[in-house]
Structure formats: C-alpha cells, structure tokens
C-alpha cells in the first residue's frame, strides 16, 4: 500500500521544487524555466505545487502553447529558497587573519 500523500501545506519546498525555484533567482524578473538543464519539460505537478504554495505565480499565458505554465518566482518563493540555504555568519570585527604590519624601520 503506498504511503499517503502530504496535504501540500509544506513550509519548505522539496528538493525538486527548490531546484526549479532556485533557477528563477538567476533570471530577470524571477522567470522560472519551462525546461530542466537537461532539456526535459519541468513536471507540471512540480510547477502547480509551487503555485499552490505561493512560491511561484503565473506570469502570462502563452497563446501558442496554452498548456505551458509560464511562471515567475514570488517573494515568498525567494524566502523559501533562502530558508533552505546554508548561511555562514562571519564577524569581521574579531580580528584579522593576517598579523598587523610592522612599524616602519623594524623588520
């Protein structure tokens, strides 16, 4: 018996959803790709799940290809991707990696 499906109320995107959303961060206006990096169409369930979660929104309808979901990343999509990212905090006030220079005439 298959495991029950989740209700779609995820707080963070799945790996596949995050990979698709992340690509929108590199594009003007947050445009999300229709195809994977391998030339395959992005799964419509992935796109619809991201739209339902508010991470992506329909951008416009393509009259030549009405079944294509042309979308862009939303602010909540950006936040969801950033929440999944590893952030390293650096405190530059704690000193230097290099010793201070010697005073003139020494050395």
PDB file of N, CA and C in Angstrom:
ATOM      1  N   UNK A   1       0.842  -1.171   0.000  1.00  0.00           N
ATOM      2  CA  UNK A   1       0.000   0.000   0.000  1.00  0.00           C
ATOM      3  C   UNK A   1       0.893   1.242   0.000  1.00  0.00           C
ATOM      4  N   UNK A   2       0.656   2.196  -0.917  1.00  0.00           N
ATOM      5  CA  UNK A   2       1.507   3.383  -0.971  1.00  0.00           C
ATOM      6  C   UNK A   2       1.277   4.296   0.228  1.00  0.00           C
ATOM      7  N   UNK A   3       2.307   5.041   0.563  1.00  0.00           N
ATOM      8  CA  UNK A   3       2.200   5.980   1.676  1.00  0.00           C
ATOM      9  C   UNK A   3       1.239   7.099   1.309  1.00  0.00           C
ATOM     10  N   UNK A   4       0.509   7.628   2.281  1.00  0.00           N
ATOM     11  CA  UNK A   4      -0.409   8.724   1.975  1.00  0.00           C
ATOM     12  C   UNK A   4       0.360   9.959   1.528  1.00  0.00           C
ATOM     13  N   UNK A   5      -0.243  10.692   0.619  1.00  0.00           N
ATOM     14  CA  UNK A   5       0.387  11.899   0.113  1.00  0.00           C
ATOM     15  C   UNK A   5       0.206  13.027   1.116  1.00  0.00           C
ATOM     16  N   UNK A   6       1.156  13.917   1.132  1.00  0.00           N
ATOM     17  CA  UNK A   6       1.037  15.059   2.039  1.00  0.00           C
ATOM     18  C   UNK A   6      -0.041  16.001   1.528  1.00  0.00           C
ATOM     19  N   UNK A   7      -0.509  16.864   2.387  1.00  0.00           N
ATOM     20  CA  UNK A   7      -1.626  17.744   2.060  1.00  0.00           C
ATOM     21  C   UNK A   7      -1.220  18.916   1.184  1.00  0.00           C
ATOM     22  N   UNK A   8       0.063  19.088   0.925  1.00  0.00           N
ATOM     23  CA  UNK A   8       0.504  20.207   0.115  1.00  0.00           C
ATOM     24  C   UNK A   8       0.769  21.458   0.938  1.00  0.00           C
ATOM     25  N   UNK A   9       0.674  21.355   2.246  1.00  0.00           N
ATOM     26  CA  UNK A   9       0.897  22.518   3.098  1.00  0.00           C
ATOM     27  C   UNK A   9       2.342  22.555   3.594  1.00  0.00           C
ATOM     28  N   UNK A  10       3.256  22.192   2.743  1.00  0.00           N
ATOM     29  CA  UNK A  10       4.673  22.199   3.101  1.00  0.00           C
ATOM     30  C   UNK A  10       5.121  23.617   3.418  1.00  0.00           C
ATOM     31  N   UNK A  11       6.015  23.733   4.349  1.00  0.00           N
ATOM     32  CA  UNK A  11       6.582  25.037   4.665  1.00  0.00           C
ATOM     33  C   UNK A  11       7.853  25.274   3.888  1.00  0.00           C
ATOM     34  N   UNK A  12       8.482  24.210   3.429  1.00  0.00           N
ATOM     35  CA  UNK A  12       9.688  24.343   2.610  1.00  0.00           C
ATOM     36  C   UNK A  12       9.516  23.502   1.357  1.00  0.00           C
ATOM     37  N   UNK A  13      10.090  23.960   0.258  1.00  0.00           N
ATOM     38  CA  UNK A  13       9.978  23.194  -0.989  1.00  0.00           C
ATOM     39  C   UNK A  13      10.760  21.884  -0.914  1.00  0.00           C
ATOM     40  N   UNK A  14      10.289  20.892  -1.668  1.00  0.00           N
ATOM     41  CA  UNK A  14      11.039  19.643  -1.802  1.00  0.00           C
ATOM     42  C   UNK A  14      12.316  19.935  -2.574  1.00  0.00           C
ATOM     43  N   UNK A  15      13.191  18.962  -2.663  1.00  0.00           N
ATOM     44  CA  UNK A  15      14.438  19.153  -3.406  1.00  0.00           C
ATOM     45  C   UNK A  15      14.166  19.516  -4.862  1.00  0.00           C
ATOM     46  N   UNK A  16      13.230  18.819  -5.484  1.00  0.00           N
ATOM     47  CA  UNK A  16      12.911  19.076  -6.891  1.00  0.00           C
ATOM     48  C   UNK A  16      12.295  20.472  -7.062  1.00  0.00           C
ATOM     49  N   UNK A  17      11.391  20.842  -6.170  1.00  0.00           N
ATOM     50  CA  UNK A  17      10.780  22.160  -6.240  1.00  0.00           C
ATOM     51  C   UNK A  17      11.820  23.254  -6.006  1.00  0.00           C
ATOM     52  N   UNK A  18      12.688  23.036  -5.026  1.00  0.00           N
ATOM     53  CA  UNK A  18      13.713  24.035  -4.717  1.00  0.00           C
ATOM     54  C   UNK A  18      14.678  24.213  -5.890  1.00  0.00           C
ATOM     55  N   UNK A  19      15.024  23.132  -6.551  1.00  0.00           N
ATOM     56  CA  UNK A  19      15.936  23.227  -7.706  1.00  0.00           C
ATOM     57  C   UNK A  19      15.309  24.085  -8.803  1.00  0.00           C
ATOM     58  N   UNK A  20      14.009  23.897  -9.032  1.00  0.00           N
ATOM     59  CA  UNK A  20      13.324  24.678 -10.056  1.00  0.00           C
ATOM     60  C   UNK A  20      13.220  26.146  -9.625  1.00  0.00           C
ATOM     61  N   UNK A  21      12.813  26.382  -8.386  1.00  0.00           N
ATOM     62  CA  UNK A  21      12.671  27.747  -7.891  1.00  0.00           C
ATOM     63  C   UNK A  21      14.000  28.488  -7.867  1.00  0.00           C
ATOM     64  N   UNK A  22      15.061  27.785  -7.503  1.00  0.00           N
ATOM     65  CA  UNK A  22      16.389  28.399  -7.421  1.00  0.00           C
ATOM     66  C   UNK A  22      16.820  28.967  -8.770  1.00  0.00           C
ATOM     67  N   UNK A  23      16.421  28.311  -9.849  1.00  0.00           N
ATOM     68  CA  UNK A  23      16.798  28.794 -11.180  1.00  0.00           C
ATOM     69  C   UNK A  23      16.149  30.130 -11.498  1.00  0.00           C
ATOM     70  N   UNK A  24      15.013  30.424 -10.879  1.00  0.00           N
ATOM     71  CA  UNK A  24      14.373  31.717 -11.073  1.00  0.00           C
ATOM     72  C   UNK A  24      15.130  32.859 -10.417  1.00  0.00           C
ATOM     73  N   UNK A  25      15.960  32.548  -9.438  1.00  0.00           N
ATOM     74  CA  UNK A  25      16.730  33.591  -8.773  1.00  0.00           C
ATOM     75  C   UNK A  25      17.818  34.140  -9.680  1.00  0.00           C
ATOM     76  N   UNK A  26      18.162  33.408 -10.716  1.00  0.00           N
ATOM     77  CA  UNK A  26      19.221  33.822 -11.644  1.00  0.00           C
ATOM     78  C   UNK A  26      18.681  34.597 -12.843  1.00  0.00           C
ATOM     79  N   UNK A  27      17.365  34.664 -12.991  1.00  0.00           N
ATOM     80  CA  UNK A  27      16.763  35.233 -14.195  1.00  0.00           C
ATOM     81  C   UNK A  27      16.124  36.593 -13.932  1.00  0.00           C
ATOM     82  N   UNK A  28      16.157  37.467 -14.938  1.00  0.00           N
ATOM     83  CA  UNK A  28      15.489  38.764 -14.787  1.00  0.00           C
ATOM     84  C   UNK A  28      14.001  38.572 -14.485  1.00  0.00           C
ATOM     85  N   UNK A  29      13.516  39.293 -13.512  1.00  0.00           N
ATOM     86  CA  UNK A  29      12.108  39.198 -13.142  1.00  0.00           C
ATOM     87  C   UNK A  29      11.750  37.906 -12.441  1.00  0.00           C
ATOM     88  N   UNK A  30      12.734  37.059 -12.160  1.00  0.00           N
ATOM     89  CA  UNK A  30      12.470  35.789 -11.494  1.00  0.00           C
ATOM     90  C   UNK A  30      11.821  34.746 -12.388  1.00  0.00           C
ATOM     91  N   UNK A  31      11.980  34.897 -13.717  1.00  0.00           N
ATOM     92  CA  UNK A  31      11.355  33.954 -14.656  1.00  0.00           C
ATOM     93  C   UNK A  31      11.821  32.533 -14.371  1.00  0.00           C
ATOM     94  N   UNK A  32      10.858  31.648 -14.261  1.00  0.00           N
ATOM     95  CA  UNK A  32      11.155  30.244 -13.991  1.00  0.00           C
ATOM     96  C   UNK A  32      11.192  29.476 -15.310  1.00  0.00           C
ATOM     97  N   UNK A  33      12.111  28.531 -15.433  1.00  0.00           N
ATOM     98  CA  UNK A  33      12.289  27.828 -16.697  1.00  0.00           C
ATOM     99  C   UNK A  33      11.166  26.834 -16.986  1.00  0.00           C
ATOM    100  N   UNK A  34      10.915  26.635 -18.256  1.00  0.00           N
ATOM    101  CA  UNK A  34       9.953  25.626 -18.694  1.00  0.00           C
ATOM    102  C   UNK A  34      10.622  24.261 -18.830  1.00  0.00           C
ATOM    103  N   UNK A  35      11.956  24.268 -18.970  1.00  0.00           N
ATOM    104  CA  UNK A  35      12.707  23.043 -19.214  1.00  0.00           C
ATOM    105  C   UNK A  35      13.831  22.900 -18.193  1.00  0.00           C
ATOM    106  N   UNK A  36      14.185  21.668 -17.890  1.00  0.00           N
ATOM    107  CA  UNK A  36      15.292  21.393 -16.984  1.00  0.00           C
ATOM    108  C   UNK A  36      16.603  21.694 -17.692  1.00  0.00           C
ATOM    109  N   UNK A  37      17.691  21.623 -16.966  1.00  0.00           N
ATOM    110  CA  UNK A  37      19.015  21.826 -17.561  1.00  0.00           C
ATOM    111  C   UNK A  37      19.356  20.719 -18.554  1.00  0.00           C
ATOM    112  N   UNK A  38      18.594  19.629 -18.516  1.00  0.00           N
ATOM    113  CA  UNK A  38      18.819  18.504 -19.431  1.00  0.00           C
ATOM    114  C   UNK A  38      17.860  18.528 -20.613  1.00  0.00           C
ATOM    115  N   UNK A  39      17.084  19.618 -20.754  1.00  0.00           N
ATOM    116  CA  UNK A  39      16.203  19.769 -21.903  1.00  0.00           C
ATOM    117  C   UNK A  39      14.835  19.109 -21.768  1.00  0.00           C
ATOM    118  N   UNK A  40      14.520  18.578 -20.598  1.00  0.00           N
ATOM    119  CA  UNK A  40      13.209  17.962 -20.374  1.00  0.00           C
ATOM    120  C   UNK A  40      12.255  19.010 -19.811  1.00  0.00           C
ATOM    121  N   UNK A  41      10.962  18.893 -20.143  1.00  0.00           N
ATOM    122  CA  UNK A  41       9.984  19.817 -19.573  1.00  0.00           C
ATOM    123  C   UNK A  41       9.908  19.622 -18.070  1.00  0.00           C
ATOM    124  N   UNK A  42       9.798  20.718 -17.357  1.00  0.00           N
ATOM    125  CA  UNK A  42       9.623  20.646 -15.904  1.00  0.00           C
ATOM    126  C   UNK A  42       8.263  20.016 -15.640  1.00  0.00           C
ATOM    127  N   UNK A  43       8.218  19.104 -14.692  1.00  0.00           N
ATOM    128  CA  UNK A  43       6.989  18.395 -14.362  1.00  0.00           C
ATOM    129  C   UNK A  43       5.898  19.388 -13.958  1.00  0.00           C
ATOM    130  N   UNK A  44       4.738  19.297 -14.583  1.00  0.00           N
ATOM    131  CA  UNK A  44       3.623  20.209 -14.303  1.00  0.00           C
ATOM    132  C   UNK A  44       3.173  20.111 -12.850  1.00  0.00           C
ATOM    133  N   UNK A  45       3.300  18.927 -12.236  1.00  0.00           N
ATOM    134  CA  UNK A  45       2.920  18.795 -10.820  1.00  0.00           C
ATOM    135  C   UNK A  45       3.847  19.625  -9.939  1.00  0.00           C
ATOM    136  N   UNK A  46       5.120  19.671 -10.296  1.00  0.00           N
ATOM    137  CA  UNK A  46       6.073  20.495  -9.551  1.00  0.00           C
ATOM    138  C   UNK A  46       5.682  21.963  -9.656  1.00  0.00           C
ATOM    139  N   UNK A  47       5.374  22.400 -10.870  1.00  0.00           N
ATOM    140  CA  UNK A  47       5.001  23.793 -11.094  1.00  0.00           C
ATOM    141  C   UNK A  47       3.720  24.128 -10.334  1.00  0.00           C
ATOM    142  N   UNK A  48       2.709  23.281 -10.463  1.00  0.00           N
ATOM    143  CA  UNK A  48       1.423  23.549  -9.808  1.00  0.00           C
ATOM    144  C   UNK A  48       1.555  23.544  -8.280  1.00  0.00           C
ATOM    145  N   UNK A  49       2.383  22.642  -7.746  1.00  0.00           N
ATOM    146  CA  UNK A  49       2.590  22.606  -6.296  1.00  0.00           C
ATOM    147  C   UNK A  49       3.248  23.906  -5.811  1.00  0.00           C
ATOM    148  N   UNK A  50       4.179  24.436  -6.594  1.00  0.00           N
ATOM    149  CA  UNK A  50       4.840  25.690  -6.224  1.00  0.00           C
ATOM    150  C   UNK A  50       3.875  26.869  -6.329  1.00  0.00           C
ATOM    151  N   UNK A  51       3.014  26.845  -7.335  1.00  0.00           N
ATOM    152  CA  UNK A  51       1.992  27.890  -7.458  1.00  0.00           C
ATOM    153  C   UNK A  51       1.038  27.813  -6.267  1.00  0.00           C
ATOM    154  N   UNK A  52       0.574  26.613  -5.941  1.00  0.00           N
ATOM    155  CA  UNK A  52      -0.361  26.426  -4.823  1.00  0.00           C
ATOM    156  C   UNK A  52       0.242  26.866  -3.493  1.00  0.00           C
ATOM    157  N   UNK A  53       1.559  26.670  -3.337  1.00  0.00           N
ATOM    158  CA  UNK A  53       2.235  27.052  -2.098  1.00  0.00           C
ATOM    159  C   UNK A  53       2.536  28.549  -2.059  1.00  0.00           C
ATOM    160  N   UNK A  54       2.378  29.237  -3.193  1.00  0.00           N
ATOM    161  CA  UNK A  54       2.652  30.671  -3.244  1.00  0.00           C
ATOM    162  C   UNK A  54       4.097  31.005  -3.555  1.00  0.00           C
ATOM    163  N   UNK A  55       4.896  29.994  -3.918  1.00  0.00           N
ATOM    164  CA  UNK A  55       6.309  30.225  -4.217  1.00  0.00           C
ATOM    165  C   UNK A  55       6.526  30.689  -5.651  1.00  0.00           C
ATOM    166  N   UNK A  56       5.548  30.439  -6.511  1.00  0.00           N
ATOM    167  CA  UNK A  56       5.602  30.850  -7.914  1.00  0.00           C
ATOM    168  C   UNK A  56       4.224  31.364  -8.296  1.00  0.00           C
ATOM    169  N   UNK A  57       4.187  32.179  -9.346  1.00  0.00           N
ATOM    170  CA  UNK A  57       2.908  32.676  -9.839  1.00  0.00           C
ATOM    171  C   UNK A  57       2.920  32.666 -11.357  1.00  0.00           C
ATOM    172  N   UNK A  58       1.717  32.497 -11.929  1.00  0.00           N
ATOM    173  CA  UNK A  58       1.602  32.573 -13.386  1.00  0.00           C
ATOM    174  C   UNK A  58       2.019  33.959 -13.814  1.00  0.00           C
ATOM    175  N   UNK A  59       2.840  34.033 -14.846  1.00  0.00           N
ATOM    176  CA  UNK A  59       3.310  35.327 -15.311  1.00  0.00           C
ATOM    177  C   UNK A  59       2.433  35.808 -16.451  1.00  0.00           C
ATOM    178  N   UNK A  60       2.262  34.961 -17.442  1.00  0.00           N
ATOM    179  CA  UNK A  60       1.363  35.291 -18.549  1.00  0.00           C
ATOM    180  C   UNK A  60       0.991  34.008 -19.265  1.00  0.00           C
ATOM    181  N   UNK A  61      -0.052  34.081 -20.044  1.00  0.00           N
ATOM    182  CA  UNK A  61      -0.488  32.939 -20.842  1.00  0.00           C
ATOM    183  C   UNK A  61       0.196  33.004 -22.205  1.00  0.00           C
ATOM    184  N   UNK A  62       0.650  31.859 -22.674  1.00  0.00           N
ATOM    185  CA  UNK A  62       1.267  31.770 -23.992  1.00  0.00           C
ATOM    186  C   UNK A  62       0.188  31.301 -24.966  1.00  0.00           C
ATOM    187  N   UNK A  63      -0.291  32.180 -25.863  1.00  0.00           N
ATOM    188  CA  UNK A  63      -1.376  31.782 -26.762  1.00  0.00           C
ATOM    189  C   UNK A  63      -0.977  30.674 -27.734  1.00  0.00           C
ATOM    190  N   UNK A  64       0.317  30.553 -28.026  1.00  0.00           N
ATOM    191  CA  UNK A  64       0.762  29.493 -28.933  1.00  0.00           C
ATOM    192  C   UNK A  64       0.875  28.140 -28.231  1.00  0.00           C
ATOM    193  N   UNK A  65       1.135  28.172 -26.945  1.00  0.00           N
ATOM    194  CA  UNK A  65       1.266  26.950 -26.140  1.00  0.00           C
ATOM    195  C   UNK A  65       0.457  27.131 -24.847  1.00  0.00           C
ATOM    196  N   UNK A  66      -0.866  27.046 -24.912  1.00  0.00           N
ATOM    197  CA  UNK A  66      -1.686  27.322 -23.729  1.00  0.00           C
ATOM    198  C   UNK A  66      -1.455  26.352 -22.568  1.00  0.00           C
ATOM    199  N   UNK A  67      -0.897  25.178 -22.828  1.00  0.00           N
ATOM    200  CA  UNK A  67      -0.649  24.217 -21.748  1.00  0.00           C
ATOM    201  C   UNK A  67       0.667  24.504 -21.011  1.00  0.00           C
ATOM    202  N   UNK A  68       1.480  25.421 -21.529  1.00  0.00           N
ATOM    203  CA  UNK A  68       2.727  25.765 -20.858  1.00  0.00           C
ATOM    204  C   UNK A  68       2.432  26.732 -19.719  1.00  0.00           C
ATOM    205  N   UNK A  69       3.005  26.463 -18.562  1.00  0.00           N
ATOM    206  CA  UNK A  69       2.820  27.312 -17.387  1.00  0.00           C
ATOM    207  C   UNK A  69       4.026  28.244 -17.272  1.00  0.00           C
ATOM    208  N   UNK A  70       3.890  29.450 -17.799  1.00  0.00           N
ATOM    209  CA  UNK A  70       4.970  30.430 -17.728  1.00  0.00           C
ATOM    210  C   UNK A  70       4.836  31.142 -16.393  1.00  0.00           C
ATOM    211  N   UNK A  71       5.845  30.973 -15.550  1.00  0.00           N
ATOM    212  CA  UNK A  71       5.759  31.458 -14.169  1.00  0.00           C
ATOM    213  C   UNK A  71       6.980  32.266 -13.791  1.00  0.00           C
ATOM    214  N   UNK A  72       6.828  32.968 -12.672  1.00  0.00           N
ATOM    215  CA  UNK A  72       7.966  33.667 -12.083  1.00  0.00           C
ATOM    216  C   UNK A  72       7.961  33.426 -10.579  1.00  0.00           C
ATOM    217  N   UNK A  73       9.106  33.631  -9.997  1.00  0.00           N
ATOM    218  CA  UNK A  73       9.318  33.438  -8.576  1.00  0.00           C
ATOM    219  C   UNK A  73       8.641  34.563  -7.799  1.00  0.00           C
ATOM    220  N   UNK A  74       8.008  34.228  -6.689  1.00  0.00           N
ATOM    221  CA  UNK A  74       7.398  35.243  -5.825  1.00  0.00           C
ATOM    222  C   UNK A  74       8.355  35.578  -4.679  1.00  0.00           C
ATOM    223  N   UNK A  75       8.018  36.610  -3.923  1.00  0.00           N
ATOM    224  CA  UNK A  75       8.835  36.955  -2.757  1.00  0.00           C
ATOM    225  C   UNK A  75       8.855  35.814  -1.751  1.00  0.00           C
ATOM    226  N   UNK A  76       7.719  35.138  -1.578  1.00  0.00           N
ATOM    227  CA  UNK A  76       7.708  34.012  -0.631  1.00  0.00           C
ATOM    228  C   UNK A  76       8.513  32.837  -1.185  1.00  0.00           C
ATOM    229  N   UNK A  77       8.591  32.710  -2.506  1.00  0.00           N
ATOM    230  CA  UNK A  77       9.449  31.694  -3.112  1.00  0.00           C
ATOM    231  C   UNK A  77      10.911  31.977  -2.852  1.00  0.00           C
ATOM    232  N   UNK A  78      11.287  33.244  -2.972  1.00  0.00           N
ATOM    233  CA  UNK A  78      12.670  33.637  -2.661  1.00  0.00           C
ATOM    234  C   UNK A  78      12.983  33.335  -1.197  1.00  0.00           C
ATOM    235  N   UNK A  79      12.037  33.679  -0.318  1.00  0.00           N
ATOM    236  CA  UNK A  79      12.242  33.434   1.113  1.00  0.00           C
ATOM    237  C   UNK A  79      12.368  31.940   1.400  1.00  0.00           C
ATOM    238  N   UNK A  80      11.565  31.123   0.721  1.00  0.00           N
ATOM    239  CA  UNK A  80      11.626  29.676   0.931  1.00  0.00           C
ATOM    240  C   UNK A  80      12.973  29.114   0.478  1.00  0.00           C
ATOM    241  N   UNK A  81      13.494  29.641  -0.620  1.00  0.00           N
ATOM    242  CA  UNK A  81      14.803  29.184  -1.105  1.00  0.00           C
ATOM    243  C   UNK A  81      15.898  29.637  -0.149  1.00  0.00           C
ATOM    244  N   UNK A  82      15.825  30.867   0.304  1.00  0.00           N
ATOM    245  CA  UNK A  82      16.836  31.370   1.229  1.00  0.00           C
ATOM    246  C   UNK A  82      16.794  30.610   2.548  1.00  0.00           C
ATOM    247  N   UNK A  83      15.614  30.193   2.985  1.00  0.00           N
ATOM    248  CA  UNK A  83      15.496  29.434   4.236  1.00  0.00           C
ATOM    249  C   UNK A  83      16.170  28.072   4.117  1.00  0.00           C
ATOM    250  N   UNK A  84      16.217  27.522   2.901  1.00  0.00           N
ATOM    251  CA  UNK A  84      16.870  26.233   2.671  1.00  0.00           C
ATOM    252  C   UNK A  84      18.372  26.370   2.502  1.00  0.00           C
ATOM    253  N   UNK A  85      18.852  27.584   2.280  1.00  0.00           N
ATOM    254  CA  UNK A  85      20.270  27.811   2.010  1.00  0.00           C
ATOM    255  C   UNK A  85      21.074  27.774   3.299  1.00  0.00           C
ATOM    256  N   UNK A  86      22.295  27.361   3.167  1.00  0.00           N
ATOM    257  CA  UNK A  86      23.220  27.386   4.286  1.00  0.00           C
ATOM    258  C   UNK A  86      23.868  28.756   4.313  1.00  0.00           C
ATOM    259  N   UNK A  87      23.752  29.417   5.441  1.00  0.00           N
ATOM    260  CA  UNK A  87      24.329  30.742   5.586  1.00  0.00           C
ATOM    261  C   UNK A  87      25.438  30.657   6.613  1.00  0.00           C
ATOM    262  N   UNK A  88      26.570  31.213   6.256  1.00  0.00           N
ATOM    263  CA  UNK A  88      27.715  31.241   7.165  1.00  0.00           C
ATOM    264  C   UNK A  88      27.849  32.668   7.672  1.00  0.00           C
ATOM    265  N   UNK A  89      27.821  32.820   8.969  1.00  0.00           N
ATOM    266  CA  UNK A  89      27.960  34.143   9.553  1.00  0.00           C
ATOM    267  C   UNK A  89      29.434  34.423   9.790  1.00  0.00           C
ATOM    268  N   UNK A  90      29.885  35.580   9.344  1.00  0.00           N
ATOM    269  CA  UNK A  90      31.273  35.977   9.505  1.00  0.00           C
ATOM    270  C   UNK A  90      31.301  37.270  10.292  1.00  0.00           C
ATOM    271  N   UNK A  91      32.099  37.298  11.331  1.00  0.00           N
ATOM    272  CA  UNK A  91      32.255  38.510  12.134  1.00  0.00           C
ATOM    273  C   UNK A  91      33.637  39.075  11.860  1.00  0.00           C
ATOM    274  N   UNK A  92      33.685  40.122  11.069  1.00  0.00           N
ATOM    275  CA  UNK A  92      34.961  40.710  10.704  1.00  0.00           C
ATOM    276  C   UNK A  92      35.544  41.568  11.818  1.00  0.00           C
ATOM    277  N   UNK A  93      34.795  41.792  12.868  1.00  0.00           N
ATOM    278  CA  UNK A  93      35.288  42.588  13.988  1.00  0.00           C
ATOM    279  C   UNK A  93      36.117  41.787  14.969  1.00  0.00           C
ATOM    280  N   UNK A  94      36.282  40.511  14.743  1.00  0.00           N
ATOM    281  CA  UNK A  94      37.003  39.646  15.675  1.00  0.00           C
ATOM    282  C   UNK A  94      38.500  39.595  15.422  1.00  0.00           C
ATOM    283  N   UNK A  95      38.990  40.375  14.543  1.00  0.00           N
ATOM    284  CA  UNK A  95      40.421  40.364  14.279  1.00  0.00           C
ATOM    285  C   UNK A  95      40.705  40.052  12.829  1.00  0.00           C
ATOM    286  N   UNK A  96      41.938  39.873  12.531  1.00  0.00           N
ATOM    287  CA  UNK A  96      42.372  39.676  11.163  1.00  0.00           C
ATOM    288  C   UNK A  96      43.027  38.314  11.015  1.00  0.00           C
ATOM    289  N   UNK A  97      42.990  37.806   9.814  1.00  0.00           N
ATOM    290  CA  UNK A  97      43.692  36.566   9.508  1.00  0.00           C
ATOM    291  C   UNK A  97      45.187  36.802   9.370  1.00  0.00           C
ATOM    292  N   UNK A  98      45.555  38.058   9.174  1.00  0.00           N
ATOM    293  CA  UNK A  98      46.959  38.395   8.943  1.00  0.00           C
ATOM    294  C   UNK A  98      47.473  39.229  10.118  1.00  0.00           C
ATOM    295  N   UNK A  99      48.734  39.062  10.482  1.00  0.00           N
ATOM    296  CA  UNK A  99      49.282  39.879  11.579  1.00  0.00           C
ATOM    297  C   UNK A  99      49.368  41.315  11.131  1.00  0.00           C
ATOM    298  N   UNK A 100      49.324  42.260  12.099  1.00  0.00           N
ATOM    299  CA  UNK A 100      49.436  43.672  11.733  1.00  0.00           C
ATOM    300  C   UNK A 100      50.823  43.953  11.150  1.00  0.00           C
ATOM    301  N   UNK A 101      50.921  44.940  10.279  1.00  0.00           N
ATOM    302  CA  UNK A 101      52.236  45.258   9.695  1.00  0.00           C
ATOM    303  C   UNK A 101      53.189  45.771  10.765  1.00  0.00           C
ATOM    304  N   UNK A 102      54.462  45.532  10.565  1.00  0.00           N
ATOM    305  CA  UNK A 102      55.485  46.016  11.484  1.00  0.00           C
ATOM    306  C   UNK A 102      55.643  47.520  11.317  1.00  0.00           C
ATOM    307  N   UNK A 103      55.945  48.219  12.412  1.00  0.00           N
ATOM    308  CA  UNK A 103      56.186  49.662  12.295  1.00  0.00           C
ATOM    309  C   UNK A 103      57.380  49.926  11.373  1.00  0.00           C
ATOM    310  N   UNK A 104      57.411  51.100  10.789  1.00  0.00           N
ATOM    311  CA  UNK A 104      58.489  51.467   9.863  1.00  0.00           C
ATOM    312  C   UNK A 104      59.831  51.376  10.569  1.00  0.00           C
ATOM    313  N   UNK A 105      60.810  50.814   9.918  1.00  0.00           N
ATOM    314  CA  UNK A 105      62.151  50.690  10.445  1.00  0.00           C
ATOM    315  C   UNK A 105      62.414  49.348  11.123  1.00  0.00           C
ATOM    316  N   UNK A 106      61.369  48.579  11.390  1.00  0.00           N
ATOM    317  CA  UNK A 106      61.562  47.267  12.008  1.00  0.00           C
ATOM    318  C   UNK A 106      61.432  46.191  10.942  1.00  0.00           C
ATOM    319  N   UNK A 107      62.133  45.147  11.094  1.00  0.00           N
ATOM    320  CA  UNK A 107      61.920  44.024  10.211  1.00  0.00           C
ATOM    321  C   UNK A 107      63.033  43.739   9.385  1.00  0.00           C
TER     322      UNK A 107
END
